[in-house]
Amino acid sequence: MTINPDSLICDDDWSDLTRHRQPEPVDDERLHRWRLSRLRGQLEKTGAAMCLLVSPVSLRYAVNYRDYPLFQSHMPQTYLFLSMEGPTVIHGAMGGSSWADDTRAGRPISFFDGAERLAEYAEQLADDVVNYLKEIGTDNRRVAVEYINPSITRAFLSRGLEVIDGVLISESARVIKSPDEINCIRWAVAVAEHGISRLKQALRPGVSEVKLWGLLNYTNLANNGDWHEGRMLASGPRINPWLQEASPREVQSGDLVGLDTDMVGPRGYFADVSRTFLCGPARATARQRELYQLAFEEISHNLALIRPGLSLSEFQKRAYVPAEEFHQNAYPCVIHGVGMSDEYPQVKPAFRGENPYDGVIEKDMVICVESYMGAVGERDGVKLEQQILVTKSGYELLSLSPLEAELMDA
């Protein structure tokens, strides 16, 4: 069969969301100043002179470095020196754009580049850090290091440096969002929901899960988005238990089809929206409608709890508790933060035990509220998730993709 490529891509008149609406304005310089101020505020809080950032999410947040993020996540070549007042220096950049003040050569920090000589290169990196501290004129020897090999820690210690966890800075900085970040997130969610809408239009008996997922992925890329953290789309008997990724299985009439976007979208910001659809022409069963309404009830109950000042422990105590038949397959958390990825905080269901840490819900956090309803041994399950902005009096719903009308009907 001959396929005209123009009909697939060049004549595609739907995927680019800017043809239909425009994003809210974002001031890049102001966005960069905000993110640096957040990082430096956490740096000051820990008493560290500098931090060494490696995570692709941290590099995007700190200096808008975007190149090869999935490669960077398991074979790191690029890293950043960040201090309170000195220059931000990116090392080993692959040539892409960056908001860093300076670009320098990097040392091998992955086995791919350093192999059995990693310890030797770690000593060279330690010398680079010592020289950077001299360059910025500080006697402080406390250094925060993010996700790195033990050989680097040993080399730093041998140079008289004190090493602390860099995630205390990089993760904590991202908790509160600026107005520019919120606008970035609004657009990421809009792009994700644009893809969800197209996916739903394509839903029919005989289409495979991976083809449906491909529409969501294509929409993200067509709008200059980045990647998806997983391929969470499942149908029919694969929807229960949840967390099964998309497969070649062909959807059948009467199947429930659930998805979770987990999408790193335009500008590196996260859209995390879950929906469950019914594949027609079959009508929903009574159990399918019951599961959907229970998931909606959990989401609605927990949304009503959201307000600044509420502790995570109190939220857990007051959160919706489903019937015991749903406990084993329940989603791992009832709420979690998002920004450029899944982020702090998270609250686990009370029946899973005490939350691993406490904290407080704050204004300008962006939070996702989760539900999965699927009993052990049953065929069907329902996944729903809403993304919200915490406001001074409660929340604003950011995810506006409609719920499934037929499954909402009693």
Protein backbone atom coordinates (compact mmCIF):
# COMPACT_ATOMS: atom_id res chain seq x y z
CA MET A 1 0.00 0.00 0.00
CA THR A 2 1.33 3.42 -0.97
CA ILE A 3 1.07 6.10 1.69
CA ASN A 4 1.30 9.76 0.85
CA PRO A 5 3.49 11.28 3.60
CA ASP A 6 1.94 14.69 3.00
CA SER A 7 -1.41 13.37 4.22
CA LEU A 8 0.19 12.14 7.46
CA ILE A 9 2.38 15.07 8.47
CA CYS A 10 2.68 17.96 6.01
CA ASP A 11 -1.10 18.28 5.62
CA ASP A 12 -1.83 17.57 9.28
CA ASP A 13 -4.14 20.40 10.29
CA TRP A 14 -4.96 19.35 13.84
CA SER A 15 -1.92 18.53 15.97
CA ASP A 16 -0.37 22.02 16.35
CA LEU A 17 -2.48 23.51 19.12
CA THR A 18 -1.33 27.07 18.31
CA ARG A 19 -3.50 26.89 15.17
CA HIS A 20 -6.53 26.80 17.44
CA ARG A 21 -5.50 28.81 20.50
CA GLN A 22 -2.52 30.65 21.94
CA PRO A 23 -0.68 29.96 25.19
CA GLU A 24 -0.67 32.43 28.05
CA PRO A 25 2.36 34.79 27.89
CA VAL A 26 5.64 33.76 29.51
CA ASP A 27 8.55 36.13 30.21
CA ASP A 28 11.67 33.98 29.78
CA GLU A 29 14.01 36.33 31.63
CA ARG A 30 11.65 36.59 34.57
CA LEU A 31 11.12 32.81 34.54
CA HIS A 32 14.90 32.26 34.65
CA ARG A 33 15.38 34.75 37.50
CA TRP A 34 12.64 33.05 39.50
CA ARG A 35 14.07 29.57 39.08
CA LEU A 36 17.58 30.71 39.98
CA SER A 37 16.26 32.55 43.04
CA ARG A 38 14.47 29.40 44.18
CA LEU A 39 17.60 27.29 43.78
CA ARG A 40 19.80 29.84 45.52
CA GLY A 41 17.30 30.20 48.33
CA GLN A 42 17.57 26.47 49.01
CA LEU A 43 21.35 26.63 48.64
CA GLU A 44 21.43 29.30 51.35
CA LYS A 45 19.09 27.25 53.53
CA THR A 46 21.43 24.24 53.46
CA GLY A 47 24.53 26.37 54.05
CA ALA A 48 26.24 24.95 50.95
CA ALA A 49 28.66 27.00 48.86
CA MET A 50 27.54 25.41 45.61
CA CYS A 51 25.62 22.52 44.13
CA LEU A 52 26.48 20.15 41.31
CA LEU A 53 23.35 19.34 39.30
CA VAL A 54 23.11 16.31 37.01
CA SER A 55 19.44 15.36 36.61
CA PRO A 56 18.03 16.38 33.21
CA VAL A 57 15.06 17.92 35.01
CA SER A 58 17.38 20.00 37.22
CA LEU A 59 19.43 21.12 34.22
CA ARG A 60 16.25 22.27 32.47
CA TYR A 61 15.04 24.09 35.56
CA ALA A 62 18.36 25.77 36.35
CA VAL A 63 19.60 26.84 32.90
CA ASN A 64 17.00 25.60 30.39
CA TYR A 65 19.35 22.88 29.11
CA ARG A 66 17.25 20.42 27.12
CA ASP A 67 19.55 18.18 25.06
CA TYR A 68 19.18 14.39 25.17
CA PRO A 69 17.37 14.20 28.53
CA LEU A 70 16.67 10.46 28.48
CA PHE A 71 20.29 9.74 27.57
CA GLN A 72 21.38 12.10 30.35
CA SER A 73 19.16 10.26 32.85
CA HIS A 74 21.19 7.03 32.64
CA MET A 75 24.42 8.00 30.87
CA PRO A 76 25.13 11.50 32.23
CA GLN A 77 27.63 13.66 30.40
CA THR A 78 26.46 17.14 31.34
CA TYR A 79 26.50 18.77 34.78
CA LEU A 80 26.19 22.24 36.25
CA PHE A 81 27.99 24.23 38.94
CA LEU A 82 25.61 26.63 40.70
CA SER A 83 26.53 28.96 43.57
CA MET A 84 24.96 31.87 45.42
CA GLU A 85 26.66 34.69 43.49
CA GLY A 86 29.19 33.12 41.14
CA PRO A 87 28.59 32.18 37.51
CA THR A 88 26.44 29.20 36.57
CA VAL A 89 28.81 26.95 34.65
CA ILE A 90 27.60 24.08 32.49
CA HIS A 91 30.11 21.31 31.75
CA GLY A 92 29.97 18.82 28.90
CA ALA A 93 27.04 20.44 27.11
CA MET A 94 26.25 18.86 23.76
CA GLY A 95 25.97 22.15 21.90
CA GLY A 96 22.37 23.04 22.59
CA SER A 97 21.12 26.32 23.95
CA SER A 98 21.49 27.05 27.62
CA TRP A 99 20.92 29.97 29.96
CA ALA A 100 24.18 29.23 31.81
CA ASP A 101 26.75 32.00 32.22
CA ASP A 102 29.64 29.86 30.98
CA THR A 103 30.22 26.56 29.15
CA ARG A 104 33.26 24.41 29.91
CA ALA A 105 34.54 20.93 29.12
CA GLY A 106 33.29 18.14 31.34
CA ARG A 107 34.87 15.16 33.06
CA PRO A 108 33.59 11.62 32.41
CA ILE A 109 31.02 10.78 35.09
CA SER A 110 29.34 7.73 33.49
CA PHE A 111 30.70 4.25 32.83
CA PHE A 112 30.06 4.81 29.12
CA ASP A 113 32.66 7.60 29.11
CA GLY A 114 34.94 6.65 32.00
CA ALA A 115 34.74 2.87 32.44
CA GLU A 116 37.30 1.59 34.98
CA ARG A 117 38.93 5.05 35.18
CA LEU A 118 35.89 6.65 36.85
CA ALA A 119 37.73 7.10 40.16
CA GLU A 120 40.58 8.91 38.37
CA TYR A 121 38.15 11.25 36.61
CA ALA A 122 36.34 11.82 39.90
CA GLU A 123 39.59 13.20 41.34
CA GLN A 124 39.83 15.61 38.40
CA LEU A 125 36.23 16.70 38.98
CA ALA A 126 37.03 17.29 42.65
CA ASP A 127 39.91 19.54 41.60
CA ASP A 128 37.50 21.44 39.32
CA VAL A 129 35.16 22.02 42.25
CA VAL A 130 37.98 23.25 44.50
CA ASN A 131 39.10 25.63 41.77
CA TYR A 132 35.54 26.87 41.26
CA LEU A 133 35.24 27.63 44.98
CA LYS A 134 38.47 29.64 44.72
CA GLU A 135 37.09 31.40 41.63
CA ILE A 136 33.99 32.57 43.49
CA GLY A 137 36.09 33.57 46.50
CA THR A 138 34.63 31.42 49.26
CA ASP A 139 36.16 29.42 52.08
CA ASN A 140 32.96 27.39 52.50
CA ARG A 141 33.68 23.74 51.70
CA ARG A 142 30.13 22.39 51.91
CA VAL A 143 29.07 21.13 48.46
CA ALA A 144 25.68 19.71 47.45
CA VAL A 145 25.90 16.90 44.89
CA GLU A 146 22.94 15.49 42.99
CA TYR A 147 22.69 11.82 41.91
CA ILE A 148 26.31 10.88 41.47
CA ASN A 149 28.76 7.97 41.77
CA PRO A 150 30.29 7.05 45.16
CA SER A 151 33.75 7.57 43.64
CA ILE A 152 32.93 11.26 43.25
CA THR A 153 31.88 11.56 46.88
CA ARG A 154 35.14 9.87 47.98
CA ALA A 155 37.19 12.19 45.78
CA PHE A 156 35.43 15.26 47.17
CA LEU A 157 35.99 14.13 50.75
CA SER A 158 39.68 13.57 50.03
CA ARG A 159 39.91 17.23 48.96
CA GLY A 160 38.47 18.41 52.27
CA LEU A 161 34.97 19.02 50.91
CA GLU A 162 31.82 18.28 52.89
CA VAL A 163 29.22 16.54 50.69
CA ILE A 164 25.46 16.82 51.18
CA ASP A 165 22.53 15.64 49.06
CA GLY A 166 21.92 17.96 46.11
CA VAL A 167 18.27 16.90 45.86
CA LEU A 168 17.65 18.92 49.02
CA ILE A 169 18.20 21.95 46.79
CA SER A 170 16.97 20.90 43.35
CA GLU A 171 13.75 19.21 44.46
CA SER A 172 12.80 21.67 47.18
CA ALA A 173 13.30 24.65 44.85
CA ARG A 174 10.62 23.45 42.44
CA VAL A 175 7.79 23.14 44.98
CA ILE A 176 6.35 26.67 44.57
CA LYS A 177 5.49 27.91 41.08
CA SER A 178 5.72 31.44 39.71
CA PRO A 179 2.98 32.94 37.48
CA ASP A 180 5.17 32.22 34.43
CA GLU A 181 5.57 28.60 35.47
CA ILE A 182 1.84 28.30 36.03
CA ASN A 183 1.26 29.55 32.49
CA CYS A 184 3.76 26.98 31.21
CA ILE A 185 1.84 24.27 33.05
CA ARG A 186 -1.49 25.50 31.71
CA TRP A 187 -0.16 25.12 28.17
CA ALA A 188 1.34 21.68 28.83
CA VAL A 189 -2.03 20.50 30.15
CA ALA A 190 -3.81 22.02 27.14
CA VAL A 191 -1.48 20.14 24.78
CA ALA A 192 -2.00 16.88 26.67
CA GLU A 193 -5.75 17.30 26.59
CA HIS A 194 -5.59 18.13 22.87
CA GLY A 195 -3.96 14.71 22.43
CA ILE A 196 -6.51 13.04 24.71
CA SER A 197 -9.32 14.47 22.58
CA ARG A 198 -7.78 13.09 19.39
CA LEU A 199 -7.18 9.74 21.06
CA LYS A 200 -10.82 9.53 22.08
CA GLN A 201 -11.92 10.32 18.51
CA ALA A 202 -9.78 7.41 17.26
CA LEU A 203 -11.10 4.96 19.87
CA ARG A 204 -12.95 2.12 18.15
CA PRO A 205 -12.89 -1.68 18.13
CA GLY A 206 -9.74 -3.03 16.49
CA VAL A 207 -7.38 -0.14 17.25
CA SER A 208 -4.37 -1.13 19.33
CA GLU A 209 -3.34 0.38 22.63
CA VAL A 210 0.06 1.42 21.23
CA LYS A 211 -1.55 3.20 18.27
CA LEU A 212 -3.80 5.14 20.63
CA TRP A 213 -0.80 6.04 22.78
CA GLY A 214 1.09 7.11 19.65
CA LEU A 215 -1.49 9.84 19.04
CA LEU A 216 -0.81 11.32 22.47
CA ASN A 217 2.95 11.13 21.97
CA TYR A 218 2.70 12.66 18.48
CA THR A 219 0.64 15.56 19.77
CA ASN A 220 3.25 16.33 22.41
CA LEU A 221 6.10 16.29 19.90
CA ALA A 222 4.13 18.34 17.36
CA ASN A 223 3.84 21.06 20.02
CA ASN A 224 7.57 20.97 20.85
CA GLY A 225 7.08 18.90 23.98
CA ASP A 226 9.65 16.47 25.36
CA TRP A 227 8.73 12.97 26.52
CA HIS A 228 6.37 10.78 28.53
CA GLU A 229 7.53 9.17 31.78
CA GLY A 230 5.75 5.95 30.79
CA ARG A 231 3.17 4.60 28.34
CA MET A 232 0.29 4.17 30.75
CA LEU A 233 -2.63 3.13 28.61
CA ALA A 234 -4.47 -0.14 29.10
CA SER A 235 -7.75 -1.65 27.96
CA GLY A 236 -10.18 -4.48 28.70
CA PRO A 237 -8.64 -7.15 30.95
CA ARG A 238 -5.33 -5.23 31.08
CA ILE A 239 -6.84 -2.23 32.86
CA ASN A 240 -7.00 -4.14 36.15
CA PRO A 241 -4.63 -3.97 37.94
CA TRP A 242 -3.47 -0.52 36.90
CA LEU A 243 0.11 0.52 35.94
CA GLN A 244 0.30 -1.77 32.89
CA GLU A 245 1.84 0.03 29.92
CA ALA A 246 0.41 0.15 26.40
CA SER A 247 0.63 -3.09 24.42
CA PRO A 248 -0.27 -4.25 20.89
CA ARG A 249 -3.62 -5.51 22.23
CA GLU A 250 -6.57 -4.44 20.07
CA VAL A 251 -9.40 -2.73 21.91
CA GLN A 252 -12.79 -4.44 21.80
CA SER A 253 -16.33 -3.09 22.01
CA GLY A 254 -17.33 -2.76 25.64
CA ASP A 255 -13.77 -2.34 26.91
CA LEU A 256 -12.79 0.35 29.35
CA VAL A 257 -9.67 2.19 28.13
CA GLY A 258 -7.67 4.08 30.75
CA LEU A 259 -4.71 6.42 30.29
CA ASP A 260 -2.38 8.60 32.33
CA THR A 261 -0.49 11.25 30.33
CA ASP A 262 2.64 11.57 32.56
CA MET A 263 3.80 14.04 29.92
CA VAL A 264 6.83 16.32 29.99
CA GLY A 265 5.42 18.85 27.57
CA PRO A 266 6.38 22.21 26.03
CA ARG A 267 9.04 24.16 27.98
CA GLY A 268 9.68 21.04 30.05
CA TYR A 269 6.55 21.34 32.20
CA PHE A 270 4.41 18.42 33.25
CA ALA A 271 0.85 17.47 32.37
CA ASP A 272 -0.47 14.60 34.47
CA VAL A 273 -4.08 13.83 33.61
CA SER A 274 -5.89 10.49 33.72
CA ARG A 275 -9.11 9.54 32.00
CA THR A 276 -11.03 6.31 31.40
CA PHE A 277 -13.21 5.88 28.32
CA LEU A 278 -15.71 3.27 27.14
CA CYS A 279 -15.17 1.77 23.69
CA GLY A 280 -18.51 1.54 21.88
CA PRO A 281 -20.80 0.59 20.41
CA ALA A 282 -21.51 -1.57 23.47
CA ARG A 283 -23.15 0.19 26.39
CA ALA A 284 -21.51 0.41 29.81
CA THR A 285 -22.29 -2.31 32.32
CA ALA A 286 -23.66 -1.48 35.75
CA ARG A 287 -20.32 -2.42 37.33
CA GLN A 288 -18.35 -0.19 34.97
CA ARG A 289 -20.56 2.76 35.85
CA GLU A 290 -20.27 1.94 39.56
CA LEU A 291 -16.45 1.87 39.39
CA TYR A 292 -16.37 5.14 37.49
CA GLN A 293 -18.66 6.88 39.95
CA LEU A 294 -16.63 5.60 42.91
CA ALA A 295 -13.44 6.99 41.33
CA PHE A 296 -15.19 10.31 40.71
CA GLU A 297 -16.40 10.32 44.32
CA GLU A 298 -12.85 9.83 45.63
CA ILE A 299 -11.49 12.61 43.42
CA SER A 300 -14.31 14.99 44.44
CA HIS A 301 -13.90 14.25 48.17
CA ASN A 302 -10.14 14.83 48.10
CA LEU A 303 -10.36 17.94 45.94
CA ALA A 304 -12.64 19.48 48.56
CA LEU A 305 -9.88 19.06 51.17
CA ILE A 306 -7.27 21.07 49.25
CA ARG A 307 -6.33 24.36 50.89
CA PRO A 308 -3.12 26.14 51.92
CA GLY A 309 -1.94 25.34 55.44
CA LEU A 310 -3.34 21.80 55.58
CA SER A 311 -0.67 19.34 56.70
CA LEU A 312 0.01 16.19 54.72
CA SER A 313 -0.71 14.08 57.79
CA GLU A 314 -4.08 15.75 58.28
CA PHE A 315 -4.89 15.33 54.59
CA GLN A 316 -4.14 11.62 54.87
CA LYS A 317 -6.44 11.28 57.89
CA ARG A 318 -9.31 13.04 56.12
CA ALA A 319 -8.83 11.59 52.64
CA TYR A 320 -11.43 9.34 51.04
CA VAL A 321 -11.16 5.69 52.05
CA PRO A 322 -12.55 3.26 49.44
CA ALA A 323 -14.18 -0.05 50.32
CA GLU A 324 -11.72 -2.75 51.38
CA GLU A 325 -12.16 -4.67 48.11
CA PHE A 326 -10.29 -1.82 46.35
CA HIS A 327 -7.36 -1.47 48.78
CA GLN A 328 -4.93 -3.94 47.22
CA ASN A 329 -5.07 -2.42 43.74
CA ALA A 330 -5.42 1.21 44.84
CA TYR A 331 -3.12 3.83 43.35
CA PRO A 332 0.16 4.30 45.31
CA CYS A 333 -0.76 7.85 46.37
CA VAL A 334 -3.89 9.98 46.68
CA ILE A 335 -2.17 13.27 45.82
CA HIS A 336 1.27 14.30 44.57
CA GLY A 337 2.99 17.45 43.38
CA VAL A 338 3.98 18.20 39.78
CA GLY A 339 6.03 20.83 38.00
CA MET A 340 8.61 19.56 35.52
CA SER A 341 7.88 15.98 36.61
CA ASP A 342 6.19 14.21 39.50
CA GLU A 343 7.42 16.16 42.52
CA TYR A 344 7.09 16.65 46.27
CA PRO A 345 4.77 16.30 48.05
CA GLN A 346 2.91 13.01 47.98
CA VAL A 347 0.37 11.48 50.34
CA LYS A 348 -0.19 7.73 50.44
CA PRO A 349 -3.56 6.13 51.25
CA ALA A 350 -4.09 5.79 55.01
CA PHE A 351 -4.61 2.02 54.70
CA ARG A 352 -1.03 1.75 53.38
CA GLY A 353 0.38 3.09 56.65
CA GLU A 354 1.77 6.39 57.86
CA ASN A 355 3.00 8.78 55.18
CA PRO A 356 6.83 8.68 54.90
CA TYR A 357 7.09 12.39 55.75
CA ASP A 358 4.93 15.32 56.76
CA GLY A 359 4.69 18.79 55.26
CA VAL A 360 2.15 21.45 54.41
CA ILE A 361 0.10 22.20 51.30
CA GLU A 362 1.06 25.71 50.14
CA LYS A 363 -0.34 28.30 47.78
CA ASP A 364 1.08 28.03 44.25
CA MET A 365 1.82 24.35 44.52
CA VAL A 366 0.53 22.34 41.58
CA ILE A 367 -0.95 19.06 42.72
CA CYS A 368 -2.54 16.00 41.11
CA VAL A 369 -5.44 14.20 42.78
CA GLU A 370 -5.53 10.49 41.96
CA SER A 371 -7.98 7.61 42.03
CA TYR A 372 -7.96 4.04 40.79
CA MET A 373 -10.88 1.71 41.45
CA GLY A 374 -10.39 -1.94 40.56
CA ALA A 375 -11.12 -4.97 42.73
CA VAL A 376 -8.76 -7.95 42.74
CA GLY A 377 -9.90 -10.65 40.34
CA GLU A 378 -12.29 -8.45 38.40
CA ARG A 379 -11.88 -7.48 34.75
CA ASP A 380 -12.63 -3.75 34.93
CA GLY A 381 -11.01 -0.79 36.64
CA VAL A 382 -11.20 2.98 36.39
CA LYS A 383 -8.35 5.52 36.55
CA LEU A 384 -9.06 9.24 37.00
CA GLU A 385 -6.73 12.11 37.88
CA GLN A 386 -7.14 15.88 38.04
CA GLN A 387 -4.34 18.47 38.01
CA ILE A 388 -4.94 21.57 40.13
CA LEU A 389 -3.31 24.80 41.28
CA VAL A 390 -3.46 25.55 44.99
CA THR A 391 -4.91 29.05 45.47
CA LYS A 392 -5.19 31.23 48.58
CA SER A 393 -8.63 29.83 49.38
CA GLY A 394 -8.64 26.38 47.80
CA TYR A 395 -7.79 25.27 44.29
CA GLU A 396 -8.21 25.97 40.59
CA LEU A 397 -8.84 23.04 38.26
CA LEU A 398 -6.23 22.99 35.48
CA SER A 399 -7.29 19.75 33.77
CA LEU A 400 -10.47 20.46 31.83
CA SER A 401 -10.79 17.35 29.66
CA PRO A 402 -14.43 16.20 30.03
CA LEU A 403 -15.35 13.09 31.96
CA GLU A 404 -17.06 10.14 30.22
CA ALA A 405 -20.76 11.03 30.11
CA GLU A 406 -22.03 7.47 29.69
CA LEU A 407 -20.04 6.24 32.67
CA MET A 408 -21.23 9.14 34.80
CA ASP A 409 -24.88 8.21 34.22
CA ALA A 410 -26.45 6.17 37.01
